[in-house]
Amino acid sequence: MSRFSLVGAVVAALLFSSGCNSGKTPSKDNSAANLAFITNGVADFWEHAQAGAETAGKELDVDVSVIMPSSITDQTRKIEDLLVRGTDGIAVSPIDPANQVEILNKAAAQTNLITHDSDAPDTNRLVYIGMDNFDAGLLCGQTLREAMPDGGKVMIFVGRLDQDNAKRRRQGFIDGFLNRKADRERSDAAGDVLTSEDQKYTVLGTMTDQFDRARAKANGEDALTRHSDLAAMVGLFEYNPPLILEALDRAGKLGQVKVMAFDENDATLQGIKDGNVVATVVQNPYQYGYKSIQVLNALHKENKSVVPENKFIDIPARVINKSNVDEFWQEIKDRLNK
């Protein structure tokens, strides 16, 4: 074979090899795994998850990309991009799992796919990492009910109800607040007015904002205008409680209307210290990030024992109130090195 023929054969072989790997997961060799952690939006909440994911990446010596999409279209596009470039694993918090089955199953067919924070149980994801959102909502509702012994009317605020975590969290809250028998299969309509059996506690409805902060604040102001006897406001996503506090402050009702929160926004924690927020139910987004990368790295090494039989890695929720807010706040400052 001539020198030119030999060179041509080598080039052809390299091109063929490159073409075969296009859009597929990188081969499992001794190089560092290339892993992606995808959120369901942009929020302070995800800074904690990013810190956890990046810490795990450093400890495990793997490459970690943290991606914060702006919408379901953007999230789907980012997943597609990862599959085209090749990735060893994706951890995602699906924005609308019912309408993302196709792209999620496509990802699961090409790489290791897991969910965190919000699940997609009807897909081929390998495991869900997070809390039980129904139980967390139940805890939230029961906590607020205890803080309202005389009863009253509440309005729920949340980003969107397409997400699995939002649906479950809201339903758990309603059951807990109204002291109903907990029913995970129940699905009350967002516009329904719901009253407890003793007629003391009422849920006026649920207002969504689609992650639009201006709309979220306007929702709070609108609720206060339309319901002069509103006794409490409940924010189910991290950014909702701070905007509720702003709406109350503007209306001159700060401290008069109770606020029940989710997650660990600084304004929410300060509200607890000031007595303007009853409590907040917190997740552990740092562990969502850390554990997701840990599990994806193990799966990349074909260690499937990290996936429990029920395909759920539970990171329990907890209640933060005035008795433990300072300790908790220091804990998250230490996480973020603030």
Protein backbone atom coordinates (compact mmCIF):
# COMPACT_ATOMS: atom_id res chain seq x y z
CA MET A 1 0.00 0.00 0.00
CA SER A 2 1.39 3.47 -0.91
CA ARG A 3 2.05 6.10 1.76
CA PHE A 4 -0.90 8.17 0.46
CA SER A 5 -3.22 5.17 0.48
CA LEU A 6 -2.24 4.37 4.05
CA VAL A 7 -2.90 7.94 5.20
CA GLY A 8 -6.26 7.90 3.42
CA ALA A 9 -7.25 4.66 5.13
CA VAL A 10 -6.37 6.06 8.56
CA VAL A 11 -8.32 9.28 7.94
CA ALA A 12 -11.33 7.31 6.72
CA ALA A 13 -11.23 5.11 9.80
CA LEU A 14 -11.08 8.15 12.08
CA LEU A 15 -14.00 9.81 10.32
CA PHE A 16 -16.06 6.63 10.53
CA SER A 17 -15.33 6.35 14.26
CA SER A 18 -16.28 9.98 14.81
CA GLY A 19 -19.52 9.54 12.89
CA CYS A 20 -20.52 6.47 14.92
CA ASN A 21 -20.15 8.37 18.20
CA SER A 22 -22.06 11.48 17.06
CA GLY A 23 -24.93 12.23 19.41
CA LYS A 24 -24.11 9.30 21.67
CA THR A 25 -22.87 9.12 25.22
CA PRO A 26 -19.07 9.40 25.43
CA SER A 27 -17.44 6.00 25.80
CA LYS A 28 -16.80 4.79 29.33
CA ASP A 29 -13.04 5.03 29.68
CA ASN A 30 -10.69 6.36 32.32
CA SER A 31 -11.39 10.01 31.47
CA ALA A 32 -13.52 12.17 33.78
CA ALA A 33 -17.25 11.79 33.33
CA ASN A 34 -19.08 14.68 31.68
CA LEU A 35 -22.28 15.27 33.68
CA ALA A 36 -25.08 17.83 33.47
CA PHE A 37 -27.35 19.20 36.19
CA ILE A 38 -30.41 20.98 34.77
CA THR A 39 -32.77 23.12 36.85
CA ASN A 40 -36.36 24.09 36.03
CA GLY A 41 -35.69 27.82 36.02
CA VAL A 42 -33.56 30.62 37.38
CA ALA A 43 -33.90 31.28 41.13
CA ASP A 44 -31.78 31.76 44.24
CA PHE A 45 -32.90 28.27 45.27
CA TRP A 46 -30.78 26.81 42.49
CA GLU A 47 -27.60 28.54 43.68
CA HIS A 48 -27.56 26.06 46.57
CA ALA A 49 -28.02 23.12 44.19
CA GLN A 50 -25.27 24.47 41.95
CA ALA A 51 -22.91 24.66 44.93
CA GLY A 52 -23.69 21.04 45.79
CA ALA A 53 -23.24 19.81 42.24
CA GLU A 54 -19.94 21.64 41.79
CA THR A 55 -18.62 20.43 45.15
CA ALA A 56 -19.41 16.83 44.20
CA GLY A 57 -17.76 17.38 40.84
CA LYS A 58 -14.53 18.52 42.47
CA GLU A 59 -14.52 15.70 45.00
CA LEU A 60 -15.19 13.05 42.37
CA ASP A 61 -12.99 14.66 39.71
CA VAL A 62 -15.77 14.84 37.11
CA ASP A 63 -16.81 17.63 34.75
CA VAL A 64 -20.12 19.22 35.81
CA SER A 65 -22.26 21.62 33.78
CA VAL A 66 -25.05 23.41 35.66
CA ILE A 67 -27.74 24.61 33.27
CA MET A 68 -30.58 26.95 34.25
CA PRO A 69 -33.16 27.17 31.43
CA SER A 70 -35.66 30.00 31.08
CA SER A 71 -38.65 27.97 29.84
CA ILE A 72 -39.84 24.50 28.86
CA THR A 73 -38.73 25.19 25.28
CA ASP A 74 -35.31 26.24 26.48
CA GLN A 75 -35.02 23.23 28.79
CA THR A 76 -35.94 20.84 25.98
CA ARG A 77 -33.44 22.51 23.65
CA LYS A 78 -30.68 22.26 26.26
CA ILE A 79 -31.32 18.53 26.66
CA GLU A 80 -31.22 18.09 22.88
CA ASP A 81 -27.89 19.97 22.74
CA LEU A 82 -26.39 17.73 25.41
CA LEU A 83 -27.44 14.61 23.51
CA VAL A 84 -25.92 15.91 20.28
CA ARG A 85 -22.62 16.78 21.96
CA GLY A 86 -22.59 13.60 24.02
CA THR A 87 -22.91 13.35 27.79
CA ASP A 88 -22.35 10.71 30.44
CA GLY A 89 -25.42 11.64 32.46
CA ILE A 90 -28.19 14.17 32.97
CA ALA A 91 -29.99 15.14 36.17
CA VAL A 92 -33.04 17.27 35.38
CA SER A 93 -35.96 18.91 37.17
CA PRO A 94 -38.64 18.65 34.44
CA ILE A 95 -40.79 21.73 33.92
CA ASP A 96 -43.75 19.87 32.43
CA PRO A 97 -43.15 16.11 32.66
CA ALA A 98 -46.44 15.17 30.98
CA ASN A 99 -45.41 17.07 27.85
CA GLN A 100 -41.72 16.14 27.99
CA VAL A 101 -42.02 12.37 27.92
CA GLU A 102 -40.59 12.14 24.41
CA ILE A 103 -37.43 14.17 25.04
CA LEU A 104 -36.87 12.60 28.47
CA ASN A 105 -37.20 9.08 27.11
CA LYS A 106 -34.91 10.00 24.24
CA ALA A 107 -32.33 11.15 26.78
CA ALA A 108 -32.83 7.98 28.85
CA ALA A 109 -32.15 5.87 25.74
CA GLN A 110 -28.83 7.61 25.10
CA THR A 111 -27.43 8.28 28.55
CA ASN A 112 -28.07 7.95 32.28
CA LEU A 113 -31.09 10.11 33.08
CA ILE A 114 -32.29 10.93 36.59
CA THR A 115 -34.69 13.53 37.97
CA HIS A 116 -34.34 15.79 40.99
CA ASP A 117 -36.59 18.27 42.82
CA SER A 118 -39.56 17.49 40.53
CA ASP A 119 -40.14 14.00 39.17
CA ALA A 120 -41.26 12.55 35.84
CA PRO A 121 -42.55 9.15 37.04
CA ASP A 122 -44.05 8.19 33.67
CA THR A 123 -40.71 8.32 31.89
CA ASN A 124 -37.72 5.98 31.77
CA ARG A 125 -35.67 8.01 34.24
CA LEU A 126 -33.58 5.80 36.50
CA VAL A 127 -34.26 7.44 39.87
CA TYR A 128 -35.80 10.53 41.47
CA ILE A 129 -33.78 12.48 44.04
CA GLY A 130 -35.66 14.87 46.29
CA MET A 131 -38.31 15.10 48.93
CA ASP A 132 -41.83 13.72 48.86
CA ASN A 133 -43.59 16.90 47.78
CA PHE A 134 -47.00 15.73 48.95
CA ASP A 135 -45.67 15.07 52.45
CA ALA A 136 -43.87 18.43 52.44
CA GLY A 137 -47.08 20.18 51.43
CA LEU A 138 -48.94 18.34 54.17
CA LEU A 139 -46.37 19.56 56.69
CA CYS A 140 -46.75 23.10 55.36
CA GLY A 141 -50.54 23.02 55.70
CA GLN A 142 -50.48 21.55 59.19
CA THR A 143 -47.93 24.14 60.34
CA LEU A 144 -50.06 27.04 59.13
CA ARG A 145 -53.24 25.54 60.58
CA GLU A 146 -51.59 25.33 64.01
CA ALA A 147 -50.66 29.01 63.70
CA MET A 148 -54.32 29.90 62.97
CA PRO A 149 -56.33 28.42 65.86
CA ASP A 150 -59.28 30.70 65.05
CA GLY A 151 -59.32 29.67 61.40
CA GLY A 152 -59.44 31.97 58.39
CA LYS A 153 -59.12 32.28 54.63
CA VAL A 154 -55.90 31.63 52.70
CA MET A 155 -54.71 32.08 49.12
CA ILE A 156 -52.03 29.88 47.56
CA PHE A 157 -49.35 31.29 45.23
CA VAL A 158 -47.08 29.19 43.01
CA GLY A 159 -45.12 29.53 39.78
CA ARG A 160 -46.82 26.89 37.69
CA LEU A 161 -48.94 23.81 38.28
CA ASP A 162 -47.59 21.79 35.32
CA GLN A 163 -44.64 20.63 37.43
CA ASP A 164 -45.03 17.43 39.38
CA ASN A 165 -43.59 19.00 42.55
CA ALA A 166 -46.03 21.93 42.45
CA LYS A 167 -49.07 19.70 41.98
CA ARG A 168 -48.14 17.41 44.85
CA ARG A 169 -46.98 20.19 47.16
CA ARG A 170 -50.20 22.16 46.66
CA GLN A 171 -52.45 19.14 47.18
CA GLY A 172 -50.59 18.15 50.32
CA PHE A 173 -50.92 21.69 51.67
CA ILE A 174 -54.67 21.75 51.08
CA ASP A 175 -55.22 18.40 52.80
CA GLY A 176 -53.07 19.44 55.75
CA PHE A 177 -54.59 22.88 56.15
CA LEU A 178 -58.17 21.66 55.90
CA ASN A 179 -57.38 18.67 58.13
CA ARG A 180 -58.73 16.26 55.52
CA LYS A 181 -57.71 12.65 55.17
CA ALA A 182 -54.54 12.78 53.10
CA ASP A 183 -55.21 11.59 49.57
CA ARG A 184 -52.37 11.59 47.04
CA GLU A 185 -54.79 10.83 44.21
CA ARG A 186 -57.02 13.84 44.90
CA SER A 187 -56.65 16.81 42.56
CA ASP A 188 -58.60 19.92 43.54
CA ALA A 189 -59.02 22.48 40.74
CA ALA A 190 -56.97 25.67 41.09
CA GLY A 191 -60.07 27.87 41.15
CA ASP A 192 -62.07 25.84 43.68
CA VAL A 193 -63.00 27.41 47.01
CA LEU A 194 -62.45 24.67 49.60
CA THR A 195 -63.63 24.70 53.22
CA SER A 196 -62.80 22.45 56.15
CA GLU A 197 -65.47 20.22 57.65
CA ASP A 198 -65.78 22.53 60.67
CA GLN A 199 -66.15 25.55 58.32
CA LYS A 200 -63.30 27.40 60.07
CA TYR A 201 -60.61 27.09 57.41
CA THR A 202 -60.97 28.10 53.75
CA VAL A 203 -58.68 27.89 50.73
CA LEU A 204 -59.82 30.60 48.31
CA GLY A 205 -57.85 29.29 45.35
CA THR A 206 -54.41 29.09 43.73
CA MET A 207 -52.77 31.89 41.72
CA THR A 208 -49.96 31.08 39.26
CA ASP A 209 -47.35 33.38 37.72
CA GLN A 210 -45.30 31.22 35.30
CA PHE A 211 -42.05 32.35 37.00
CA ASP A 212 -42.82 35.98 36.12
CA ARG A 213 -41.76 37.95 39.23
CA ALA A 214 -43.77 41.05 38.35
CA ARG A 215 -46.87 38.93 37.87
CA ALA A 216 -46.20 37.08 41.12
CA LYS A 217 -46.11 40.34 43.05
CA ALA A 218 -49.21 41.59 41.24
CA ASN A 219 -51.01 38.37 42.19
CA GLY A 220 -50.32 39.09 45.85
CA GLU A 221 -51.56 42.67 45.54
CA ASP A 222 -54.66 41.53 43.66
CA ALA A 223 -55.52 38.94 46.31
CA LEU A 224 -55.26 41.54 49.06
CA THR A 225 -57.49 43.94 47.13
CA ARG A 226 -60.15 41.35 46.33
CA HIS A 227 -60.20 39.70 49.75
CA SER A 228 -60.15 42.22 52.59
CA ASP A 229 -60.62 39.38 55.09
CA LEU A 230 -57.64 37.36 53.84
CA ALA A 231 -55.97 35.80 56.88
CA ALA A 232 -52.96 34.11 55.30
CA MET A 233 -50.93 33.84 52.09
CA VAL A 234 -48.93 30.76 51.13
CA GLY A 235 -45.97 30.83 48.73
CA LEU A 236 -45.04 27.40 47.40
CA PHE A 237 -42.01 28.37 45.29
CA GLU A 238 -38.85 29.99 46.65
CA TYR A 239 -39.46 33.45 45.17
CA ASN A 240 -43.18 33.64 46.10
CA PRO A 241 -42.88 34.45 49.84
CA PRO A 242 -40.53 37.46 49.40
CA LEU A 243 -42.88 38.93 46.79
CA ILE A 244 -45.85 38.28 49.08
CA LEU A 245 -44.03 40.23 51.79
CA GLU A 246 -43.48 43.11 49.34
CA ALA A 247 -47.18 43.12 48.45
CA LEU A 248 -48.17 43.14 52.13
CA ASP A 249 -45.74 45.93 52.90
CA ARG A 250 -47.13 48.04 50.07
CA ALA A 251 -50.68 47.41 51.30
CA GLY A 252 -49.75 48.31 54.88
CA LYS A 253 -50.67 44.82 56.07
CA LEU A 254 -47.25 43.44 56.95
CA GLY A 255 -47.62 41.45 60.14
CA GLN A 256 -51.42 41.48 59.89
CA VAL A 257 -51.74 38.70 57.32
CA LYS A 258 -49.87 35.49 58.08
CA VAL A 259 -47.34 34.20 55.54
CA MET A 260 -46.40 30.54 55.15
CA ALA A 261 -43.41 29.81 52.97
CA PHE A 262 -41.33 27.25 51.11
CA ASP A 263 -37.56 27.27 50.69
CA GLU A 264 -34.77 29.40 52.08
CA ASN A 265 -34.76 32.81 50.42
CA ASP A 266 -32.94 35.35 52.61
CA ALA A 267 -36.02 37.61 52.67
CA THR A 268 -38.12 34.68 53.88
CA LEU A 269 -35.68 33.87 56.68
CA GLN A 270 -35.54 37.53 57.69
CA GLY A 271 -39.33 37.54 57.67
CA ILE A 272 -39.30 34.66 60.17
CA LYS A 273 -36.88 36.57 62.41
CA ASP A 274 -39.06 39.71 62.17
CA GLY A 275 -42.25 37.79 62.95
CA ASN A 276 -43.79 38.42 59.51
CA VAL A 277 -43.50 34.80 58.32
CA VAL A 278 -44.90 31.90 60.35
CA ALA A 279 -42.38 29.36 59.08
CA THR A 280 -40.89 27.90 55.93
CA VAL A 281 -40.68 24.30 54.77
CA VAL A 282 -37.24 23.80 53.34
CA GLN A 283 -35.79 21.25 51.02
CA ASN A 284 -32.07 20.63 50.70
CA PRO A 285 -31.15 21.84 47.22
CA TYR A 286 -27.46 21.57 48.07
CA GLN A 287 -27.94 17.83 48.52
CA TYR A 288 -30.04 17.65 45.34
CA GLY A 289 -27.03 18.88 43.44
CA TYR A 290 -24.44 16.88 45.37
CA LYS A 291 -26.37 13.61 45.35
CA SER A 292 -27.34 13.92 41.68
CA ILE A 293 -23.70 14.15 40.59
CA GLN A 294 -22.70 11.38 42.99
CA VAL A 295 -25.37 9.05 41.60
CA LEU A 296 -24.67 9.92 37.95
CA ASN A 297 -20.97 9.27 38.46
CA ALA A 298 -21.70 5.88 40.01
CA LEU A 299 -24.03 5.00 37.13
CA HIS A 300 -21.35 6.08 34.66
CA LYS A 301 -19.11 3.51 36.32
CA GLU A 302 -21.95 1.00 35.93
CA ASN A 303 -22.58 0.80 39.67
CA LYS A 304 -26.36 0.36 39.59
CA SER A 305 -26.59 -0.42 43.30
CA VAL A 306 -26.97 3.33 43.95
CA VAL A 307 -30.54 3.10 42.64
CA PRO A 308 -32.94 1.81 45.33
CA GLU A 309 -35.71 -0.61 44.42
CA ASN A 310 -38.39 2.09 44.65
CA LYS A 311 -36.30 4.44 42.47
CA PHE A 312 -36.61 7.24 45.03
CA ILE A 313 -33.76 8.76 47.05
CA ASP A 314 -35.49 10.70 49.81
CA ILE A 315 -34.01 13.95 51.09
CA PRO A 316 -36.63 14.92 53.71
CA ALA A 317 -38.12 18.38 54.19
CA ARG A 318 -38.00 20.21 57.51
CA VAL A 319 -39.73 23.20 59.09
CA ILE A 320 -37.75 26.35 59.88
CA ASN A 321 -39.32 28.74 62.38
CA LYS A 322 -38.16 31.34 64.87
CA SER A 323 -36.65 28.69 67.14
CA ASN A 324 -34.12 27.40 64.59
CA VAL A 325 -33.87 30.08 61.89
CA ASP A 326 -30.49 31.50 63.04
CA GLU A 327 -28.83 28.08 63.10
CA PHE A 328 -30.29 27.19 59.70
CA TRP A 329 -29.31 30.52 58.15
CA GLN A 330 -25.72 30.03 59.27
CA GLU A 331 -25.80 26.55 57.79
CA ILE A 332 -26.72 27.78 54.32
CA LYS A 333 -24.24 30.67 54.51
CA ASP A 334 -21.53 28.13 55.21
CA ARG A 335 -22.70 26.07 52.20
CA LEU A 336 -22.34 29.05 49.89
CA ASN A 337 -19.22 30.40 51.61
CA LYS A 338 -20.93 33.76 52.27
